[in-house]
Each structure stands twice: as C-alpha cells, then as structure tokens.
Protein backbone atom coordinates (compact mmCIF):
# COMPACT_ATOMS: atom_id res chain seq x y z
CA UNK A 1 -0.06 0.26 -0.19
CA UNK A 2 2.19 2.76 -1.30
CA UNK A 3 -0.39 5.43 -2.30
CA UNK A 4 -3.20 7.47 -0.88
CA UNK A 5 -6.18 8.81 -2.54
CA UNK A 6 -5.54 10.01 -5.73
CA UNK A 7 -2.12 7.74 -6.28
CA UNK A 8 -0.21 10.00 -3.90
CA UNK A 9 3.05 8.69 -2.38
CA UNK A 10 2.47 8.47 1.27
CA UNK A 11 5.57 6.46 2.22
CA UNK A 12 8.24 7.84 4.13
CA UNK A 13 11.93 6.81 2.96
CA UNK A 14 13.85 5.55 5.75
CA UNK A 15 17.38 7.43 5.65
CA UNK A 16 18.98 6.11 8.71
CA UNK A 17 18.82 4.00 11.97
CA UNK A 18 20.46 3.37 15.04
CA UNK A 19 19.72 1.10 18.28
CA UNK A 20 19.04 3.60 20.94
CA UNK A 21 18.47 1.13 23.92
CA UNK A 22 17.72 -2.21 24.46
CA UNK A 23 15.57 -3.86 27.13
CA UNK A 24 14.41 -7.59 27.40
CA UNK A 25 10.64 -6.41 26.64
CA UNK A 26 11.63 -3.73 24.14
CA UNK A 27 14.18 -1.95 22.41
CA UNK A 28 13.95 1.71 21.25
CA UNK A 29 15.35 2.29 17.68
CA UNK A 30 15.71 5.87 16.12
CA UNK A 31 14.78 6.09 12.57
CA UNK A 32 15.41 9.26 10.60
CA UNK A 33 12.72 9.38 7.41
CA UNK A 34 12.22 11.36 4.60
CA UNK A 35 8.89 12.80 4.13
CA UNK A 36 7.70 11.98 0.52
CA UNK A 37 5.47 15.49 0.57
CA UNK A 38 8.15 17.87 1.51
CA UNK A 39 11.42 16.20 1.28
CA UNK A 40 12.72 16.98 4.63
CA UNK A 41 13.97 14.54 7.29
CA UNK A 42 12.73 14.25 10.42
CA UNK A 43 13.49 11.86 13.79
CA UNK A 44 11.17 9.03 15.29
CA UNK A 45 11.47 6.73 17.95
CA UNK A 46 10.18 3.07 17.13
CA UNK A 47 9.65 0.64 19.65
CA UNK A 48 10.92 -3.13 18.82
CA UNK A 49 9.37 -5.79 20.53
CA UNK A 50 9.06 -9.35 20.59
CA UNK A 51 5.77 -10.87 18.85
CA UNK A 52 3.30 -11.24 21.49
CA UNK A 53 0.41 -13.75 21.66
CA UNK A 54 -2.74 -14.38 23.49
CA UNK A 55 -5.02 -17.36 23.81
CA UNK A 56 -8.53 -17.62 24.55
CA UNK A 57 -9.08 -21.33 25.97
CA UNK A 58 -12.72 -22.23 25.91
CA UNK A 59 -13.87 -25.06 28.14
CA UNK A 60 -16.64 -27.55 26.99
CA UNK A 61 -19.04 -25.66 29.47
CA UNK A 62 -18.61 -22.68 27.32
CA UNK A 63 -16.61 -20.62 29.77
CA UNK A 64 -13.31 -18.71 28.85
CA UNK A 65 -10.19 -19.16 30.89
CA UNK A 66 -8.77 -16.09 31.82
CA UNK A 67 -6.19 -14.97 34.59
CA UNK A 68 -6.30 -11.69 36.70
CA UNK A 69 -3.02 -10.07 37.44
CA UNK A 70 -1.30 -7.16 38.64
CA UNK A 71 -0.17 -4.89 35.87
CA UNK A 72 2.77 -2.74 36.77
CA UNK A 73 2.03 -0.28 34.13
CA UNK A 74 -1.43 1.08 35.61
CA UNK A 75 -0.78 -0.36 39.12
CA UNK A 76 -3.93 -2.03 38.99
CA UNK A 77 -5.57 -5.62 38.48
CA UNK A 78 -6.11 -6.69 35.01
CA UNK A 79 -8.35 -9.78 33.56
CA UNK A 80 -7.33 -10.52 30.93
CA UNK A 81 -6.65 -14.06 28.44
CA UNK A 82 -3.33 -15.66 28.71
CA UNK A 83 -0.42 -14.93 26.66
CA UNK A 84 2.87 -13.26 26.52
CA UNK A 85 5.79 -12.67 24.36
CA UNK A 86 6.52 -14.97 21.43
CA UNK A 87 9.84 -16.58 22.76
CA UNK A 88 13.09 -16.64 20.07
CA UNK A 89 12.94 -19.97 18.21
CA UNK A 90 9.29 -20.61 18.55
CA UNK A 91 6.18 -20.37 16.74
CA UNK A 92 3.40 -18.18 18.27
CA UNK A 93 1.26 -21.34 18.37
CA UNK A 94 4.02 -23.20 20.75
CA UNK A 95 4.39 -19.93 23.19
CA UNK A 96 0.87 -20.02 23.32
CA UNK A 97 0.50 -23.24 24.02
CA UNK A 98 3.34 -22.88 26.91
CA UNK A 99 1.62 -19.74 28.30
CA UNK A 100 -1.78 -21.33 28.89
CA UNK A 101 -0.44 -24.11 30.75
CA UNK A 102 2.17 -21.91 32.86
CA UNK A 103 -0.46 -19.11 33.60
CA UNK A 104 -3.78 -21.09 34.09
CA UNK A 105 -3.08 -24.75 34.70
CA UNK A 106 -5.36 -25.42 31.55
CA UNK A 107 -4.14 -27.57 28.28
CA UNK A 108 -6.13 -28.04 25.03
CA UNK A 109 -5.54 -29.96 22.14
CA UNK A 110 -6.52 -28.03 19.17
CA UNK A 111 -5.32 -24.32 18.65
CA UNK A 112 -7.21 -22.24 15.84
CA UNK A 113 -5.15 -18.85 14.56
CA UNK A 114 -8.01 -16.14 15.18
CA UNK A 115 -5.86 -13.86 13.39
CA UNK A 116 -2.97 -11.31 13.48
CA UNK A 117 -2.72 -7.39 14.20
CA UNK A 118 -0.09 -4.57 14.85
CA UNK A 119 -0.66 -3.77 18.54
CA UNK A 120 0.24 -0.16 17.80
CA UNK A 121 1.48 0.64 14.77
CA UNK A 122 2.95 4.43 15.21
CA UNK A 123 5.13 2.99 17.65
CA UNK A 124 5.95 -0.97 17.85
CA UNK A 125 7.32 -3.11 15.09
CA UNK A 126 5.65 -6.05 16.39
CA UNK A 127 2.85 -8.62 15.61
CA UNK A 128 -0.03 -9.91 18.16
CA UNK A 129 -1.57 -13.27 17.46
CA UNK A 130 -4.38 -14.81 18.95
CA UNK A 131 -5.59 -18.14 18.99
CA UNK A 132 -8.72 -20.09 20.00
CA UNK A 133 -8.00 -23.28 21.94
CA UNK A 134 -11.35 -25.47 22.32
CA UNK A 135 -12.16 -28.03 25.16
CA UNK A 136 -9.50 -26.69 27.50
CA UNK A 137 -9.09 -28.92 30.43
CA UNK A 138 -7.11 -28.40 33.60
CA UNK A 139 -3.91 -30.12 34.51
CA UNK A 140 -3.46 -28.46 38.07
CA UNK A 141 0.19 -27.80 36.78
CA UNK A 142 0.00 -23.72 36.72
CA UNK A 143 3.64 -22.81 36.88
CA UNK A 144 4.12 -19.13 36.64
CA UNK A 145 6.77 -17.26 36.02
CA UNK A 146 8.79 -15.53 39.01
CA UNK A 147 7.31 -12.36 38.46
CA UNK A 148 3.95 -13.30 37.76
CA UNK A 149 1.10 -13.54 40.52
CA UNK A 150 -1.83 -15.04 38.99
CA UNK A 151 -5.50 -16.23 39.52
CA UNK A 152 -7.22 -18.21 37.62
CA UNK A 153 -10.78 -16.97 36.37
CA UNK A 154 -13.55 -18.81 34.46
CA UNK A 155 -15.87 -16.18 32.47
CA UNK A 156 -19.16 -17.35 31.12
CA UNK A 157 -18.38 -16.93 27.19
CA UNK A 158 -21.81 -15.08 26.61
CA UNK A 159 -20.54 -12.70 29.43
CA UNK A 160 -17.67 -11.61 27.94
CA UNK A 161 -19.35 -8.32 25.83
CA UNK A 162 -20.59 -7.36 29.56
CA UNK A 163 -17.29 -7.72 31.23
CA UNK A 164 -15.93 -5.56 28.47
CA UNK A 165 -18.50 -3.09 28.44
CA UNK A 166 -18.56 -2.79 31.90
CA UNK A 167 -14.79 -2.32 31.92
CA UNK A 168 -14.19 -5.21 34.05
CA UNK A 169 -11.84 -6.27 30.79
CA UNK A 170 -10.27 -3.35 29.80
CA UNK A 171 -6.82 -3.78 28.20
CA UNK A 172 -7.22 -2.74 24.20
CA UNK A 173 -5.27 -5.32 23.12
CA UNK A 174 -6.92 -8.01 24.72
CA UNK A 175 -10.52 -6.84 24.08
CA UNK A 176 -9.27 -6.81 20.07
CA UNK A 177 -8.22 -10.32 21.06
CA UNK A 178 -11.82 -11.15 22.51
CA UNK A 179 -13.62 -9.70 19.77
CA UNK A 180 -12.00 -12.10 17.25
CA UNK A 181 -13.41 -14.84 19.60
CA UNK A 182 -16.52 -13.31 19.85
CA UNK A 183 -17.16 -13.11 15.88
CA UNK A 184 -15.76 -16.24 15.49
CA UNK A 185 -18.23 -18.23 18.23
CA UNK A 186 -21.23 -16.07 16.29
CA UNK A 187 -20.05 -17.12 12.70
CA UNK A 188 -20.34 -20.73 14.68
CA UNK A 189 -23.81 -20.02 15.48
CA UNK A 190 -23.36 -19.47 19.10
CA UNK A 191 -25.07 -16.14 20.18
CA UNK A 192 -22.91 -14.02 22.53
C-alpha cells in the first residue's frame, strides 16, 4: 500500500537508523525518515519488540479461561486471556501453548488461529497473534514465572461482551483479541 487517495505516495523513505536502548521486553530505535510531501528528514522513535500472543481458552462448558494479575504499568489488577511474548525460536502457537499452561494450568489439544494484528503501529514493530483453544481442560500444573502472581478466572462466554462493556476487561489489545473470539463464536452460531 504505497499510495493514498489520488495515487499520492505516502511512504516515508528510511534514510538512517540506530539502536538507542535495548531492554528484555523492547528496544528503542531511532529512525530518520524523509517526508514524501516535503522532502524533509524527521526523527522518529520506534519500539522494537518480540511478537505477542494471546490464547482464548474455551472449556466444554463454554467458559473462557482468563487470568487476573497485577499490571505494573497501571498499578492495578487486570482480567485478560493468558498470553505473553513469543519466545525466540518458537512459533506463536508454541509460545501460546506454553503460556496457557504456565499461567492457568489448562491445556487444549487444538489451537485455531483467530488472527494477527499490529498492536500499536505508530510506535511498535511487532505482531500480536490470537488463538482459540477449544475444549480447554485443567491439568493442575500452573507454573507462573517468578515475576507473575496469577488467579485463574472462568468467565461464561456469553458474558464476555458485558465484561468489556462494563470495564471488567479493559486492556485494549486483549479486547481486540476477544472481539476476534466473539466474531468466531457468532460465525459458529453461538449467540454471545
């Protein structure tokens, strides 16, 4: 997609880049890009990050397996589907399977890709992958990471929209993931 309405070029030419800082969860890169309209070069900060993954685990009883956890950015508890970073050398599905069991103690045989999106294209370089895990069953083997304290919460699938509407679920990328889930369920004929 290189042009906008009327065929005008909207792509900014990358004329230089350098790594500014690098942390375990993300890096900061400085890019210099040339405006296609003015020809002037401007500086932009870009956050590089591994891809992210979320799993929407659904039990046979139509309960969505979620986790409640403390989020340091907001200083508050958050209710969301299990997920995390896609680990180096793994596919998004492999990391999703690990995150599901580590965070909730649930497993699922079949993972169905629901979609992939860009979480925040103005700043981040990564993708966010979303999977549906049907017939999720508990193993009792939750293994949260040292920096995680989690509570597994079962949410009736037919209440997910209400939880979003009332703010019980309020993380934007997780809301986007849950909308992919809602769309899939409604296409299957399940009224949510």
